[in-house]
Amino acid sequence: MGKPIFYHAGCSVCVDAEEALAKAVDAEVVHLGEQKQRVSEAEKAGVKSVPALLMNGSVLHINFGAPLSDLQ
């Protein structure tokens, strides 16, 4: 089991989710707006929109900030 990864794009929905959830599960935080090279990684993992938490091979889509396609 690897460390959870929290993908986001920096919007207010994403920042709120990061403060409430990502910190609670000690997730690696990946800002896809700043780290565009990791968008394909998120897509391969099953992320459809951000904010999203990848944990134990499963993706939890939190609210709906932006579709992953907007970040490519």
N, C-alpha and C. Protein backbone atom coordinates (compact mmCIF):
# COMPACT_ATOMS: atom_id res chain seq x y z
N MET A 1 0.85 -1.18 0.00
CA MET A 1 0.00 0.00 0.00
C MET A 1 0.89 1.23 0.00
N GLY A 2 0.75 2.07 -1.03
CA GLY A 2 1.52 3.30 -1.12
C GLY A 2 0.84 4.44 -0.41
N LYS A 3 1.54 5.54 -0.37
CA LYS A 3 0.99 6.74 0.25
C LYS A 3 -0.16 7.28 -0.59
N PRO A 4 -1.24 7.73 0.03
CA PRO A 4 -2.34 8.34 -0.72
C PRO A 4 -1.86 9.55 -1.50
N ILE A 5 -2.50 9.82 -2.63
CA ILE A 5 -2.17 10.99 -3.45
C ILE A 5 -3.44 11.81 -3.62
N PHE A 6 -3.34 13.08 -3.32
CA PHE A 6 -4.45 14.02 -3.47
C PHE A 6 -4.14 14.90 -4.68
N TYR A 7 -4.96 14.79 -5.72
CA TYR A 7 -4.80 15.59 -6.93
C TYR A 7 -5.76 16.77 -6.88
N HIS A 8 -5.25 17.95 -7.25
CA HIS A 8 -6.12 19.11 -7.29
C HIS A 8 -5.61 20.13 -8.29
N ALA A 9 -6.37 21.20 -8.48
CA ALA A 9 -6.02 22.22 -9.45
C ALA A 9 -5.90 23.61 -8.84
N GLY A 10 -6.01 23.70 -7.53
CA GLY A 10 -5.82 24.99 -6.86
C GLY A 10 -7.07 25.82 -6.66
N CYS A 11 -8.22 25.34 -7.13
CA CYS A 11 -9.46 26.10 -6.94
C CYS A 11 -9.89 26.07 -5.47
N SER A 12 -10.85 26.88 -5.11
CA SER A 12 -11.27 26.95 -3.71
C SER A 12 -11.84 25.63 -3.21
N VAL A 13 -12.55 24.91 -4.08
CA VAL A 13 -13.07 23.59 -3.70
C VAL A 13 -11.91 22.65 -3.38
N CYS A 14 -10.88 22.69 -4.22
CA CYS A 14 -9.71 21.83 -4.03
C CYS A 14 -8.96 22.17 -2.75
N VAL A 15 -8.77 23.46 -2.50
CA VAL A 15 -8.03 23.89 -1.31
C VAL A 15 -8.79 23.49 -0.05
N ASP A 16 -10.11 23.65 -0.05
CA ASP A 16 -10.91 23.23 1.10
C ASP A 16 -10.77 21.72 1.34
N ALA A 17 -10.83 20.94 0.27
CA ALA A 17 -10.70 19.49 0.39
C ALA A 17 -9.30 19.11 0.88
N GLU A 18 -8.29 19.83 0.40
CA GLU A 18 -6.92 19.55 0.85
C GLU A 18 -6.81 19.78 2.35
N GLU A 19 -7.33 20.89 2.83
CA GLU A 19 -7.23 21.21 4.25
C GLU A 19 -8.01 20.21 5.11
N ALA A 20 -9.16 19.75 4.63
CA ALA A 20 -10.01 18.87 5.41
C ALA A 20 -9.64 17.39 5.30
N LEU A 21 -9.21 16.96 4.13
CA LEU A 21 -9.04 15.53 3.89
C LEU A 21 -7.60 15.10 3.66
N ALA A 22 -6.93 15.76 2.74
CA ALA A 22 -5.57 15.33 2.37
C ALA A 22 -4.62 15.36 3.55
N LYS A 23 -4.73 16.37 4.37
CA LYS A 23 -3.86 16.45 5.55
C LYS A 23 -4.22 15.37 6.56
N ALA A 24 -5.49 15.04 6.66
CA ALA A 24 -5.94 14.04 7.64
C ALA A 24 -5.40 12.65 7.32
N VAL A 25 -5.22 12.35 6.03
CA VAL A 25 -4.73 11.02 5.64
C VAL A 25 -3.26 11.06 5.24
N ASP A 26 -2.60 12.20 5.47
CA ASP A 26 -1.18 12.38 5.16
C ASP A 26 -0.89 12.03 3.70
N ALA A 27 -1.67 12.61 2.80
CA ALA A 27 -1.52 12.35 1.37
C ALA A 27 -0.46 13.24 0.75
N GLU A 28 0.17 12.72 -0.30
CA GLU A 28 1.02 13.54 -1.15
C GLU A 28 0.08 14.46 -1.91
N VAL A 29 0.38 15.74 -1.95
CA VAL A 29 -0.47 16.71 -2.63
C VAL A 29 0.14 17.05 -3.99
N VAL A 30 -0.65 16.86 -5.04
CA VAL A 30 -0.19 17.13 -6.40
C VAL A 30 -1.10 18.18 -7.02
N HIS A 31 -0.55 19.35 -7.28
CA HIS A 31 -1.28 20.45 -7.91
C HIS A 31 -1.10 20.28 -9.41
N LEU A 32 -2.13 19.77 -10.08
CA LEU A 32 -2.03 19.46 -11.50
C LEU A 32 -1.95 20.70 -12.39
N GLY A 33 -2.36 21.83 -11.89
CA GLY A 33 -2.20 23.07 -12.63
C GLY A 33 -0.74 23.48 -12.72
N GLU A 34 0.04 23.12 -11.71
CA GLU A 34 1.47 23.43 -11.67
C GLU A 34 2.34 22.26 -12.10
N GLN A 35 1.81 21.05 -12.00
CA GLN A 35 2.57 19.84 -12.33
C GLN A 35 1.88 19.09 -13.46
N LYS A 36 1.77 19.75 -14.59
CA LYS A 36 1.03 19.18 -15.73
C LYS A 36 1.59 17.85 -16.20
N GLN A 37 2.87 17.60 -15.94
CA GLN A 37 3.47 16.33 -16.35
C GLN A 37 2.85 15.15 -15.60
N ARG A 38 2.10 15.40 -14.53
CA ARG A 38 1.49 14.33 -13.75
C ARG A 38 0.02 14.09 -14.10
N VAL A 39 -0.52 14.86 -15.06
CA VAL A 39 -1.92 14.69 -15.47
C VAL A 39 -2.13 13.28 -16.03
N SER A 40 -1.22 12.80 -16.86
CA SER A 40 -1.38 11.46 -17.44
C SER A 40 -1.33 10.38 -16.36
N GLU A 41 -0.52 10.58 -15.34
CA GLU A 41 -0.46 9.66 -14.20
C GLU A 41 -1.83 9.59 -13.51
N ALA A 42 -2.42 10.75 -13.26
CA ALA A 42 -3.73 10.81 -12.61
C ALA A 42 -4.78 10.13 -13.48
N GLU A 43 -4.73 10.40 -14.77
CA GLU A 43 -5.69 9.81 -15.71
C GLU A 43 -5.58 8.28 -15.71
N LYS A 44 -4.36 7.76 -15.73
CA LYS A 44 -4.14 6.31 -15.71
C LYS A 44 -4.66 5.68 -14.42
N ALA A 45 -4.63 6.45 -13.34
CA ALA A 45 -5.11 5.95 -12.05
C ALA A 45 -6.63 5.96 -11.95
N GLY A 46 -7.30 6.62 -12.92
CA GLY A 46 -8.76 6.66 -12.92
C GLY A 46 -9.36 7.97 -12.49
N VAL A 47 -8.54 8.99 -12.31
CA VAL A 47 -9.05 10.30 -11.92
C VAL A 47 -9.79 10.92 -13.10
N LYS A 48 -11.01 11.37 -12.87
CA LYS A 48 -11.84 11.99 -13.90
C LYS A 48 -11.99 13.50 -13.67
N SER A 49 -11.92 13.89 -12.40
CA SER A 49 -12.06 15.30 -12.04
C SER A 49 -11.29 15.55 -10.75
N VAL A 50 -11.03 16.81 -10.50
CA VAL A 50 -10.35 17.18 -9.27
C VAL A 50 -11.27 18.07 -8.45
N PRO A 51 -11.15 18.03 -7.15
CA PRO A 51 -10.20 17.29 -6.34
C PRO A 51 -10.53 15.80 -6.28
N ALA A 52 -9.48 15.01 -6.16
CA ALA A 52 -9.63 13.56 -6.06
C ALA A 52 -8.53 12.99 -5.18
N LEU A 53 -8.87 11.95 -4.47
CA LEU A 53 -7.92 11.27 -3.60
C LEU A 53 -7.74 9.85 -4.10
N LEU A 54 -6.51 9.48 -4.40
CA LEU A 54 -6.17 8.12 -4.79
C LEU A 54 -5.61 7.42 -3.56
N MET A 55 -6.29 6.33 -3.16
CA MET A 55 -5.88 5.64 -1.95
C MET A 55 -6.19 4.16 -2.10
N ASN A 56 -5.18 3.33 -1.86
CA ASN A 56 -5.33 1.88 -1.97
C ASN A 56 -5.86 1.45 -3.34
N GLY A 57 -5.43 2.17 -4.39
CA GLY A 57 -5.83 1.81 -5.75
C GLY A 57 -7.20 2.29 -6.16
N SER A 58 -7.90 2.98 -5.27
CA SER A 58 -9.25 3.48 -5.58
C SER A 58 -9.23 5.00 -5.60
N VAL A 59 -10.08 5.57 -6.46
CA VAL A 59 -10.17 7.03 -6.56
C VAL A 59 -11.45 7.50 -5.91
N LEU A 60 -11.31 8.47 -5.03
CA LEU A 60 -12.46 9.13 -4.42
C LEU A 60 -12.54 10.53 -5.03
N HIS A 61 -13.59 10.76 -5.84
CA HIS A 61 -13.81 12.08 -6.42
C HIS A 61 -14.58 12.91 -5.40
N ILE A 62 -14.01 14.04 -5.04
CA ILE A 62 -14.55 14.89 -3.98
C ILE A 62 -15.20 16.11 -4.61
N ASN A 63 -16.51 16.23 -4.45
CA ASN A 63 -17.22 17.36 -5.06
C ASN A 63 -16.89 17.38 -6.54
N PHE A 64 -16.85 18.53 -7.16
CA PHE A 64 -16.46 18.62 -8.57
C PHE A 64 -15.89 20.01 -8.80
N GLY A 65 -14.58 20.07 -8.89
CA GLY A 65 -13.91 21.35 -9.13
C GLY A 65 -13.69 21.58 -10.61
N ALA A 66 -13.09 20.58 -11.28
CA ALA A 66 -12.80 20.70 -12.71
C ALA A 66 -12.56 19.32 -13.29
N PRO A 67 -12.99 19.11 -14.54
CA PRO A 67 -12.67 17.83 -15.18
C PRO A 67 -11.17 17.75 -15.48
N LEU A 68 -10.63 16.57 -15.45
CA LEU A 68 -9.21 16.37 -15.71
C LEU A 68 -8.84 16.89 -17.11
N SER A 69 -9.75 16.78 -18.05
CA SER A 69 -9.48 17.24 -19.42
C SER A 69 -9.17 18.74 -19.48
N ASP A 70 -9.67 19.53 -18.54
CA ASP A 70 -9.37 20.97 -18.51
C ASP A 70 -7.92 21.25 -18.14
N LEU A 71 -7.25 20.28 -17.55
CA LEU A 71 -5.88 20.49 -17.07
C LEU A 71 -4.84 20.03 -18.06
N GLN A 72 -5.25 19.44 -19.15
CA GLN A 72 -4.30 18.91 -20.13
C GLN A 72 -3.83 19.96 -21.08
